[in-house]
Amino acid sequence: MRRPWTAVFRTACRTEKDRGKCRPRKPRTSFVTEMIPMPDLEPKATHGMVVVGEETVYLSHMPMFMAPHAFQYLLEVTLQSAAGDARQLYVDDRRTTGTAVYTLAPEPFRISDLIAPEGQRPKLTSFTGTLFRGHFERGGVEILDPVTVEVQDIVHFHPFDHHASRPAALNYLAFGKGKELFLAHRITKAPDFDHHIAVRPVPGATGTVLTDDLLREGPRLEITGRADRPEDRLHESDQVTVRFLEGGPADVDLQLTVGREIYEEEGDLATEIHIH
């Protein structure tokens, strides 16, 4: 049985207390059934996020295997700033500098406030933060402060369970819209890794296409012939065969070419602290 939040919380950079030392669409019902934390006990914390996409912007939580950061979630968002068109300012900076990693350091909030039971509105549908070129805890450069984030959709949400079994084959979550397609490694249990890459269909390949409707569900894909470990992760120019595990037609293979690596992290997911 999963347990609610207790007094055992992470004491590193992302809690509200220590932040200074370091810095919608209605959610789908399936996410609600997985919401474990009790809002009265869950602390507010700085939940850093990787920024992905240009035409459509996504935020991917930078998780760890300890409360209150033990969740993987992907948000489709819009950005607003008094400085101007926040999305365009971010895109222009990315294209000018060629930097792969952009991150957002939001004001402290509770992850459980992002989701709500069916028919109810989440407590949190927008929040403010600082947008960084680079990793916000590792020398990143502020480019927008403050920026307001409006949550449009929760593409994926799952809490970590240290009783879960690691999949034998490499698993990714697909997301994106239009010509922008991305994969995020589906994180299971320590030791694990966070990984975000751009992908595109292999030219001339037949079969199912990753449509916008499919991608809205954050389908789970299995990579044929790869083990679920960092050394077997996808790399730029790889051509791979993938199969839907969840959120798409069964027994259908897709052919994808891997584009640029956006983000990769192993250290934050090397170990876990169990909550008893």
C-alpha atoms as a PDB file:
ATOM      1  CA  MET A   1       0.000   0.000   0.000  1.00  0.00           C
ATOM      2  CA  ARG A   2       1.310   3.418  -0.947  1.00  0.00           C
ATOM      3  CA  ARG A   3       1.711   5.886   1.870  1.00  0.00           C
ATOM      4  CA  PRO A   4       0.883   9.607   2.119  1.00  0.00           C
ATOM      5  CA  TRP A   5       3.561  12.218   2.572  1.00  0.00           C
ATOM      6  CA  THR A   6       5.356  12.016   5.920  1.00  0.00           C
ATOM      7  CA  ALA A   7       7.914  14.190   7.652  1.00  0.00           C
ATOM      8  CA  VAL A   8      10.736  12.652   5.601  1.00  0.00           C
ATOM      9  CA  PHE A   9      11.469  15.169   2.865  1.00  0.00           C
ATOM     10  CA  ARG A  10      14.390  15.966   0.610  1.00  0.00           C
ATOM     11  CA  THR A  11      16.778  18.490   2.163  1.00  0.00           C
ATOM     12  CA  ALA A  12      18.779  19.494  -0.904  1.00  0.00           C
ATOM     13  CA  CYS A  13      18.340  22.386  -3.321  1.00  0.00           C
ATOM     14  CA  ARG A  14      14.691  22.248  -4.273  1.00  0.00           C
ATOM     15  CA  THR A  15      12.810  22.652  -0.982  1.00  0.00           C
ATOM     16  CA  GLU A  16      11.330  26.047  -0.195  1.00  0.00           C
ATOM     17  CA  LYS A  17      13.616  26.394   2.826  1.00  0.00           C
ATOM     18  CA  ASP A  18      16.835  25.831   0.874  1.00  0.00           C
ATOM     19  CA  ARG A  19      15.971  27.377  -2.466  1.00  0.00           C
ATOM     20  CA  GLY A  20      18.131  30.429  -1.909  1.00  0.00           C
ATOM     21  CA  LYS A  21      21.178  28.241  -1.481  1.00  0.00           C
ATOM     22  CA  CYS A  22      21.028  26.669  -4.893  1.00  0.00           C
ATOM     23  CA  ARG A  23      17.175  28.453  -6.856  1.00  0.00           C
ATOM     24  CA  PRO A  24      -5.896  23.655 -18.986  1.00  0.00           C
ATOM     25  CA  ARG A  25      -7.203  21.312 -20.076  1.00  0.00           C
ATOM     26  CA  LYS A  26      -8.852  19.247 -17.350  1.00  0.00           C
ATOM     27  CA  PRO A  27      -6.471  16.466 -16.221  1.00  0.00           C
ATOM     28  CA  ARG A  28      -7.426  12.988 -17.330  1.00  0.00           C
ATOM     29  CA  THR A  29      -9.077  10.699 -14.810  1.00  0.00           C
ATOM     30  CA  SER A  30      -6.346   8.067 -15.033  1.00  0.00           C
ATOM     31  CA  PHE A  31      -3.899  10.494 -13.464  1.00  0.00           C
ATOM     32  CA  VAL A  32      -6.246  11.173 -10.575  1.00  0.00           C
ATOM     33  CA  THR A  33      -6.283   7.524  -9.504  1.00  0.00           C
ATOM     34  CA  GLU A  34      -2.514   7.684  -9.100  1.00  0.00           C
ATOM     35  CA  MET A  35      -2.422  10.822  -6.964  1.00  0.00           C
ATOM     36  CA  ILE A  36      -1.000   9.767  -3.628  1.00  0.00           C
ATOM     37  CA  PRO A  37       0.203  12.822  -1.669  1.00  0.00           C
ATOM     38  CA  MET A  38      -2.020  14.416   0.932  1.00  0.00           C
ATOM     39  CA  PRO A  39      -1.961  18.166   0.188  1.00  0.00           C
ATOM     40  CA  ASP A  40      -1.991  19.121   3.872  1.00  0.00           C
ATOM     41  CA  LEU A  41       1.259  17.202   4.453  1.00  0.00           C
ATOM     42  CA  GLU A  42       3.067  17.656   1.145  1.00  0.00           C
ATOM     43  CA  PRO A  43       5.514  20.563   1.404  1.00  0.00           C
ATOM     44  CA  LYS A  44       5.834  23.254  -1.202  1.00  0.00           C
ATOM     45  CA  ALA A  45       9.093  22.845  -3.108  1.00  0.00           C
ATOM     46  CA  THR A  46      10.898  24.104  -6.188  1.00  0.00           C
ATOM     47  CA  HIS A  47      10.169  21.469  -8.811  1.00  0.00           C
ATOM     48  CA  GLY A  48      12.672  22.213 -11.579  1.00  0.00           C
ATOM     49  CA  MET A  49      11.609  21.385 -15.126  1.00  0.00           C
ATOM     50  CA  VAL A  50      13.241  20.852 -18.511  1.00  0.00           C
ATOM     51  CA  VAL A  51      11.806  23.070 -21.265  1.00  0.00           C
ATOM     52  CA  VAL A  52      11.121  21.188 -24.507  1.00  0.00           C
ATOM     53  CA  GLY A  53       9.676  22.317 -27.840  1.00  0.00           C
ATOM     54  CA  GLU A  54       9.345  25.585 -29.716  1.00  0.00           C
ATOM     55  CA  GLU A  55       5.986  25.857 -31.503  1.00  0.00           C
ATOM     56  CA  THR A  56       4.379  24.123 -28.530  1.00  0.00           C
ATOM     57  CA  VAL A  57       6.178  24.323 -25.192  1.00  0.00           C
ATOM     58  CA  TYR A  58       6.357  21.402 -22.776  1.00  0.00           C
ATOM     59  CA  LEU A  59       7.739  21.229 -19.246  1.00  0.00           C
ATOM     60  CA  SER A  60       9.141  17.957 -17.942  1.00  0.00           C
ATOM     61  CA  HIS A  61       9.687  17.584 -14.205  1.00  0.00           C
ATOM     62  CA  MET A  62      13.299  16.890 -13.148  1.00  0.00           C
ATOM     63  CA  PRO A  63      12.520  14.176 -10.592  1.00  0.00           C
ATOM     64  CA  MET A  64      14.332  12.331  -7.843  1.00  0.00           C
ATOM     65  CA  PHE A  65      13.440   9.173  -5.928  1.00  0.00           C
ATOM     66  CA  MET A  66      12.540  10.982  -2.719  1.00  0.00           C
ATOM     67  CA  ALA A  67       9.671  13.106  -1.474  1.00  0.00           C
ATOM     68  CA  PRO A  68       8.452  15.525  -2.548  1.00  0.00           C
ATOM     69  CA  HIS A  69      10.049  15.056  -5.997  1.00  0.00           C
ATOM     70  CA  ALA A  70       9.156  11.410  -6.681  1.00  0.00           C
ATOM     71  CA  PHE A  71       6.946  11.990  -9.712  1.00  0.00           C
ATOM     72  CA  GLN A  72       7.411  12.031 -13.463  1.00  0.00           C
ATOM     73  CA  TYR A  73       5.103  14.414 -15.276  1.00  0.00           C
ATOM     74  CA  LEU A  74       4.926  16.233 -18.607  1.00  0.00           C
ATOM     75  CA  LEU A  75       2.949  19.462 -19.003  1.00  0.00           C
ATOM     76  CA  GLU A  76       1.873  21.258 -22.160  1.00  0.00           C
ATOM     77  CA  VAL A  77       2.038  24.968 -21.324  1.00  0.00           C
ATOM     78  CA  THR A  78       2.017  28.506 -22.607  1.00  0.00           C
ATOM     79  CA  LEU A  79       4.446  31.178 -21.397  1.00  0.00           C
ATOM     80  CA  GLN A  80       3.737  34.832 -20.631  1.00  0.00           C
ATOM     81  CA  SER A  81       6.045  37.678 -19.657  1.00  0.00           C
ATOM     82  CA  ALA A  82       5.886  41.434 -19.249  1.00  0.00           C
ATOM     83  CA  ALA A  83       9.062  41.514 -21.373  1.00  0.00           C
ATOM     84  CA  GLY A  84       7.081  40.494 -24.465  1.00  0.00           C
ATOM     85  CA  ASP A  85       6.180  37.269 -26.230  1.00  0.00           C
ATOM     86  CA  ALA A  86       7.782  34.844 -23.779  1.00  0.00           C
ATOM     87  CA  ARG A  87       7.651  31.841 -26.092  1.00  0.00           C
ATOM     88  CA  GLN A  88       9.259  33.763 -28.945  1.00  0.00           C
ATOM     89  CA  LEU A  89      11.935  35.243 -26.671  1.00  0.00           C
ATOM     90  CA  TYR A  90      12.802  31.732 -25.490  1.00  0.00           C
ATOM     91  CA  VAL A  91      12.799  30.327 -29.045  1.00  0.00           C
ATOM     92  CA  ASP A  92      14.969  33.173 -30.346  1.00  0.00           C
ATOM     93  CA  ASP A  93      17.475  32.604 -27.540  1.00  0.00           C
ATOM     94  CA  ARG A  94      17.578  28.853 -28.221  1.00  0.00           C
ATOM     95  CA  ARG A  95      18.113  29.350 -31.954  1.00  0.00           C
ATOM     96  CA  THR A  96      20.708  32.084 -31.496  1.00  0.00           C
ATOM     97  CA  THR A  97      22.831  30.244 -28.937  1.00  0.00           C
ATOM     98  CA  GLY A  98      22.268  26.676 -30.117  1.00  0.00           C
ATOM     99  CA  THR A  99      21.900  25.598 -26.491  1.00  0.00           C
ATOM    100  CA  ALA A 100      20.097  22.284 -25.964  1.00  0.00           C
ATOM    101  CA  VAL A 101      19.175  22.542 -22.281  1.00  0.00           C
ATOM    102  CA  TYR A 102      16.684  25.121 -21.022  1.00  0.00           C
ATOM    103  CA  THR A 103      15.134  24.791 -17.585  1.00  0.00           C
ATOM    104  CA  LEU A 104      12.480  26.469 -15.494  1.00  0.00           C
ATOM    105  CA  ALA A 105      12.814  27.117 -11.754  1.00  0.00           C
ATOM    106  CA  PRO A 106       9.244  27.737 -10.576  1.00  0.00           C
ATOM    107  CA  GLU A 107       8.167  29.318  -7.353  1.00  0.00           C
ATOM    108  CA  PRO A 108       7.581  26.602  -4.733  1.00  0.00           C
ATOM    109  CA  PHE A 109       4.332  24.654  -5.171  1.00  0.00           C
ATOM    110  CA  ARG A 110       2.751  21.290  -4.359  1.00  0.00           C
ATOM    111  CA  ILE A 111       2.735  18.734  -7.170  1.00  0.00           C
ATOM    112  CA  SER A 112      -0.594  17.381  -5.934  1.00  0.00           C
ATOM    113  CA  ASP A 113      -2.178  20.774  -6.703  1.00  0.00           C
ATOM    114  CA  LEU A 114      -1.719  20.121 -10.448  1.00  0.00           C
ATOM    115  CA  ILE A 115      -4.338  17.369 -10.523  1.00  0.00           C
ATOM    116  CA  ALA A 116      -7.880  16.953  -9.254  1.00  0.00           C
ATOM    117  CA  PRO A 117     -10.736  14.432  -9.179  1.00  0.00           C
ATOM    118  CA  GLU A 118     -12.966  14.264 -12.248  1.00  0.00           C
ATOM    119  CA  GLY A 119     -15.278  17.245 -12.507  1.00  0.00           C
ATOM    120  CA  GLN A 120     -13.154  19.426 -10.256  1.00  0.00           C
ATOM    121  CA  ARG A 121     -10.669  22.118 -11.178  1.00  0.00           C
ATOM    122  CA  PRO A 122      -7.052  21.658 -10.052  1.00  0.00           C
ATOM    123  CA  LYS A 123      -5.893  24.104  -7.396  1.00  0.00           C
ATOM    124  CA  LEU A 124      -2.932  25.028  -9.586  1.00  0.00           C
ATOM    125  CA  THR A 125      -3.394  25.890 -13.266  1.00  0.00           C
ATOM    126  CA  SER A 126      -0.716  28.581 -13.491  1.00  0.00           C
ATOM    127  CA  PHE A 127       2.473  29.510 -11.678  1.00  0.00           C
ATOM    128  CA  THR A 128       5.459  31.808 -12.035  1.00  0.00           C
ATOM    129  CA  GLY A 129       9.140  31.052 -12.282  1.00  0.00           C
ATOM    130  CA  THR A 130      12.466  31.898 -13.875  1.00  0.00           C
ATOM    131  CA  LEU A 131      13.513  30.583 -17.280  1.00  0.00           C
ATOM    132  CA  PHE A 132      17.176  29.618 -17.628  1.00  0.00           C
ATOM    133  CA  ARG A 133      19.474  28.854 -20.509  1.00  0.00           C
ATOM    134  CA  GLY A 134      21.171  25.755 -19.128  1.00  0.00           C
ATOM    135  CA  HIS A 135      20.526  23.934 -15.862  1.00  0.00           C
ATOM    136  CA  PHE A 136      19.141  26.274 -13.198  1.00  0.00           C
ATOM    137  CA  GLU A 137      21.142  24.544 -10.427  1.00  0.00           C
ATOM    138  CA  ARG A 138      24.377  24.241 -12.426  1.00  0.00           C
ATOM    139  CA  GLY A 139      25.345  27.673 -13.634  1.00  0.00           C
ATOM    140  CA  GLY A 140      22.416  28.378 -15.937  1.00  0.00           C
ATOM    141  CA  VAL A 141      21.816  31.933 -17.204  1.00  0.00           C
ATOM    142  CA  GLU A 142      18.506  33.683 -16.446  1.00  0.00           C
ATOM    143  CA  ILE A 143      16.741  34.796 -19.620  1.00  0.00           C
ATOM    144  CA  LEU A 144      13.225  35.549 -18.333  1.00  0.00           C
ATOM    145  CA  ASP A 145      12.306  36.472 -14.760  1.00  0.00           C
ATOM    146  CA  PRO A 146       9.505  36.287 -13.976  1.00  0.00           C
ATOM    147  CA  VAL A 147       7.684  34.167 -16.524  1.00  0.00           C
ATOM    148  CA  THR A 148       4.096  33.020 -16.024  1.00  0.00           C
ATOM    149  CA  VAL A 149       3.264  29.435 -16.946  1.00  0.00           C
ATOM    150  CA  GLU A 150      -0.300  28.497 -17.921  1.00  0.00           C
ATOM    151  CA  VAL A 151      -0.919  24.735 -17.855  1.00  0.00           C
ATOM    152  CA  GLN A 152      -2.852  23.618 -20.945  1.00  0.00           C
ATOM    153  CA  ASP A 153      -2.692  19.857 -20.494  1.00  0.00           C
ATOM    154  CA  ILE A 154      -1.091  17.136 -18.409  1.00  0.00           C
ATOM    155  CA  VAL A 155       0.370  14.793 -21.008  1.00  0.00           C
ATOM    156  CA  HIS A 156       1.756  12.294 -18.508  1.00  0.00           C
ATOM    157  CA  PHE A 157       1.783  11.877 -14.741  1.00  0.00           C
ATOM    158  CA  HIS A 158       2.934   9.003 -12.565  1.00  0.00           C
ATOM    159  CA  PRO A 159       4.323   8.673  -9.034  1.00  0.00           C
ATOM    160  CA  PHE A 160       7.341   6.480  -8.404  1.00  0.00           C
ATOM    161  CA  ASP A 161       6.861   3.169  -6.627  1.00  0.00           C
ATOM    162  CA  HIS A 162       9.984   1.432  -5.308  1.00  0.00           C
ATOM    163  CA  HIS A 163       8.089  -1.875  -5.537  1.00  0.00           C
ATOM    164  CA  ALA A 164       7.733  -1.477  -9.309  1.00  0.00           C
ATOM    165  CA  SER A 165       9.564  -3.808 -11.671  1.00  0.00           C
ATOM    166  CA  ARG A 166      11.988  -2.339 -14.171  1.00  0.00           C
ATOM    167  CA  PRO A 167      11.006  -3.142 -17.764  1.00  0.00           C
ATOM    168  CA  ALA A 168      13.407  -5.385 -19.647  1.00  0.00           C
ATOM    169  CA  ALA A 169      13.241  -3.283 -22.817  1.00  0.00           C
ATOM    170  CA  LEU A 170      13.998   0.434 -23.111  1.00  0.00           C
ATOM    171  CA  ASN A 171      10.828   2.495 -22.555  1.00  0.00           C
ATOM    172  CA  TYR A 172      10.086   6.056 -23.640  1.00  0.00           C
ATOM    173  CA  LEU A 173       7.074   8.376 -23.515  1.00  0.00           C
ATOM    174  CA  ALA A 174       6.184  10.115 -26.786  1.00  0.00           C
ATOM    175  CA  PHE A 175       4.883  13.682 -26.853  1.00  0.00           C
ATOM    176  CA  GLY A 176       4.756  16.689 -29.140  1.00  0.00           C
ATOM    177  CA  LYS A 177       2.585  18.328 -31.748  1.00  0.00           C
ATOM    178  CA  GLY A 178       2.787  18.882 -35.493  1.00  0.00           C
ATOM    179  CA  LYS A 179       6.317  18.425 -36.781  1.00  0.00           C
ATOM    180  CA  GLU A 180       7.842  18.519 -33.292  1.00  0.00           C
ATOM    181  CA  LEU A 181       8.129  14.995 -31.878  1.00  0.00           C
ATOM    182  CA  PHE A 182       9.959  14.093 -28.681  1.00  0.00           C
ATOM    183  CA  LEU A 183      10.672  11.107 -26.478  1.00  0.00           C
ATOM    184  CA  ALA A 184      11.251  11.160 -22.710  1.00  0.00           C
ATOM    185  CA  HIS A 185      12.611   8.069 -20.996  1.00  0.00           C
ATOM    186  CA  ARG A 186       9.969   6.576 -18.715  1.00  0.00           C
ATOM    187  CA  ILE A 187      11.496   6.514 -15.244  1.00  0.00           C
ATOM    188  CA  THR A 188      10.752   3.538 -12.996  1.00  0.00           C
ATOM    189  CA  LYS A 189      13.088   2.897 -10.047  1.00  0.00           C
ATOM    190  CA  ALA A 190      16.633   3.635  -8.903  1.00  0.00           C
ATOM    191  CA  PRO A 191      19.129   3.562 -10.411  1.00  0.00           C
ATOM    192  CA  ASP A 192      17.538   5.130 -13.479  1.00  0.00           C
ATOM    193  CA  PHE A 193      18.015   8.037 -15.873  1.00  0.00           C
ATOM    194  CA  ASP A 194      16.157  11.031 -17.283  1.00  0.00           C
ATOM    195  CA  HIS A 195      16.517  11.506 -21.042  1.00  0.00           C
ATOM    196  CA  HIS A 196      14.817  13.747 -23.612  1.00  0.00           C
ATOM    197  CA  ILE A 197      15.408  13.575 -27.353  1.00  0.00           C
ATOM    198  CA  ALA A 198      13.870  14.840 -30.581  1.00  0.00           C
ATOM    199  CA  VAL A 199      12.736  12.221 -33.102  1.00  0.00           C
ATOM    200  CA  ARG A 200      11.207  12.092 -36.574  1.00  0.00           C
ATOM    201  CA  PRO A 201       9.610   9.347 -38.668  1.00  0.00           C
ATOM    202  CA  VAL A 202      11.936   7.443 -40.987  1.00  0.00           C
ATOM    203  CA  PRO A 203      11.247   8.796 -44.519  1.00  0.00           C
ATOM    204  CA  GLY A 204       9.177   6.377 -46.551  1.00  0.00           C
ATOM    205  CA  ALA A 205       8.360   4.131 -43.600  1.00  0.00           C
ATOM    206  CA  THR A 206       4.868   2.658 -43.592  1.00  0.00           C
ATOM    207  CA  GLY A 207       2.595   2.060 -40.635  1.00  0.00           C
ATOM    208  CA  THR A 208       1.013   4.092 -37.862  1.00  0.00           C
ATOM    209  CA  VAL A 209       1.894   7.770 -37.603  1.00  0.00           C
ATOM    210  CA  LEU A 210       2.311   9.583 -34.281  1.00  0.00           C
ATOM    211  CA  THR A 211      -0.645  11.925 -34.710  1.00  0.00           C
ATOM    212  CA  ASP A 212      -1.425  14.855 -32.440  1.00  0.00           C
ATOM    213  CA  ASP A 213      -4.303  12.870 -30.918  1.00  0.00           C
ATOM    214  CA  LEU A 214      -2.002   9.973 -30.028  1.00  0.00           C
ATOM    215  CA  LEU A 215       0.687  12.284 -28.687  1.00  0.00           C
ATOM    216  CA  ARG A 216      -1.791  14.070 -26.391  1.00  0.00           C
ATOM    217  CA  GLU A 217      -2.010  10.835 -24.405  1.00  0.00           C
ATOM    218  CA  GLY A 218       1.765  10.564 -23.922  1.00  0.00           C
ATOM    219  CA  PRO A 219       1.918   7.004 -25.320  1.00  0.00           C
ATOM    220  CA  ARG A 220       4.439   4.616 -23.840  1.00  0.00           C
ATOM    221  CA  LEU A 221       6.798   3.044 -26.359  1.00  0.00           C
ATOM    222  CA  GLU A 222       9.153   0.080 -26.198  1.00  0.00           C
ATOM    223  CA  ILE A 223      12.410   0.238 -28.145  1.00  0.00           C
ATOM    224  CA  THR A 224      13.126  -3.056 -29.864  1.00  0.00           C
ATOM    225  CA  GLY A 225      16.502  -4.596 -29.061  1.00  0.00           C
ATOM    226  CA  ARG A 226      17.506  -2.127 -26.313  1.00  0.00           C
ATOM    227  CA  ALA A 227      17.716  -2.805 -22.576  1.00  0.00           C
ATOM    228  CA  ASP A 228      16.305  -0.231 -20.149  1.00  0.00           C
ATOM    229  CA  ARG A 229      19.635   1.174 -18.961  1.00  0.00           C
ATOM    230  CA  PRO A 230      21.604   4.388 -19.608  1.00  0.00           C
ATOM    231  CA  GLU A 231      24.220   2.789 -21.847  1.00  0.00           C
ATOM    232  CA  ASP A 232      21.478   1.591 -24.226  1.00  0.00           C
ATOM    233  CA  ARG A 233      19.675   4.937 -24.435  1.00  0.00           C
ATOM    234  CA  LEU A 234      18.945   6.411 -27.847  1.00  0.00           C
ATOM    235  CA  HIS A 235      21.555   8.574 -29.558  1.00  0.00           C
ATOM    236  CA  GLU A 236      21.426  11.078 -32.397  1.00  0.00           C
ATOM    237  CA  SER A 237      21.122   9.461 -35.861  1.00  0.00           C
ATOM    238  CA  ASP A 238      19.970   6.102 -34.460  1.00  0.00           C
ATOM    239  CA  GLN A 239      17.181   4.472 -36.461  1.00  0.00           C
ATOM    240  CA  VAL A 240      14.994   2.335 -34.237  1.00  0.00           C
ATOM    241  CA  THR A 241      11.869   0.223 -34.291  1.00  0.00           C
ATOM    242  CA  VAL A 242       9.410   1.050 -31.533  1.00  0.00           C
ATOM    243  CA  ARG A 243       6.139  -0.506 -30.389  1.00  0.00           C
ATOM    244  CA  PHE A 244       3.237   0.905 -28.397  1.00  0.00           C
ATOM    245  CA  LEU A 245       2.892  -0.426 -24.865  1.00  0.00           C
ATOM    246  CA  GLU A 246       0.202   2.049 -23.767  1.00  0.00           C
ATOM    247  CA  GLY A 247      -1.754   4.805 -25.490  1.00  0.00           C
ATOM    248  CA  GLY A 248      -1.607   3.435 -29.033  1.00  0.00           C
ATOM    249  CA  PRO A 249      -2.464   0.467 -31.257  1.00  0.00           C
ATOM    250  CA  ALA A 250      -1.001  -2.834 -30.049  1.00  0.00           C
ATOM    251  CA  ASP A 251       1.387  -4.860 -32.200  1.00  0.00           C
ATOM    252  CA  VAL A 252       2.165  -1.933 -34.480  1.00  0.00           C
ATOM    253  CA  ASP A 253       5.777  -1.053 -35.194  1.00  0.00           C
ATOM    254  CA  LEU A 254       7.008   2.480 -35.840  1.00  0.00           C
ATOM    255  CA  GLN A 255      10.285   3.454 -37.482  1.00  0.00           C
ATOM    256  CA  LEU A 256      11.929   6.524 -35.976  1.00  0.00           C
ATOM    257  CA  THR A 257      15.152   8.432 -36.521  1.00  0.00           C
ATOM    258  CA  VAL A 258      16.650  10.042 -33.434  1.00  0.00           C
ATOM    259  CA  GLY A 259      17.489  13.728 -33.565  1.00  0.00           C
ATOM    260  CA  ARG A 260      19.190  16.001 -31.073  1.00  0.00           C
ATOM    261  CA  GLU A 261      19.616  15.048 -27.438  1.00  0.00           C
ATOM    262  CA  ILE A 262      17.954  17.696 -25.272  1.00  0.00           C
ATOM    263  CA  TYR A 263      18.692  16.537 -21.735  1.00  0.00           C
ATOM    264  CA  GLU A 264      20.230  13.569 -19.914  1.00  0.00           C
ATOM    265  CA  GLU A 265      20.625  13.020 -16.162  1.00  0.00           C
ATOM    266  CA  GLU A 266      21.703  10.013 -14.127  1.00  0.00           C
ATOM    267  CA  GLY A 267      23.065  11.411 -10.845  1.00  0.00           C
ATOM    268  CA  ASP A 268      19.744  12.689  -9.471  1.00  0.00           C
ATOM    269  CA  LEU A 269      18.200   9.257 -10.062  1.00  0.00           C
ATOM    270  CA  ALA A 270      21.040   7.054  -8.837  1.00  0.00           C
ATOM    271  CA  THR A 271      19.550   6.291  -5.414  1.00  0.00           C
ATOM    272  CA  GLU A 272      16.303   6.579  -3.530  1.00  0.00           C
ATOM    273  CA  ILE A 273      15.115   7.185   0.005  1.00  0.00           C
ATOM    274  CA  HIS A 274      12.223   4.978   1.058  1.00  0.00           C
ATOM    275  CA  ILE A 275       9.385   6.556   3.012  1.00  0.00           C
ATOM    276  CA  HIS A 276       8.184   4.319   5.838  1.00  0.00           C
END
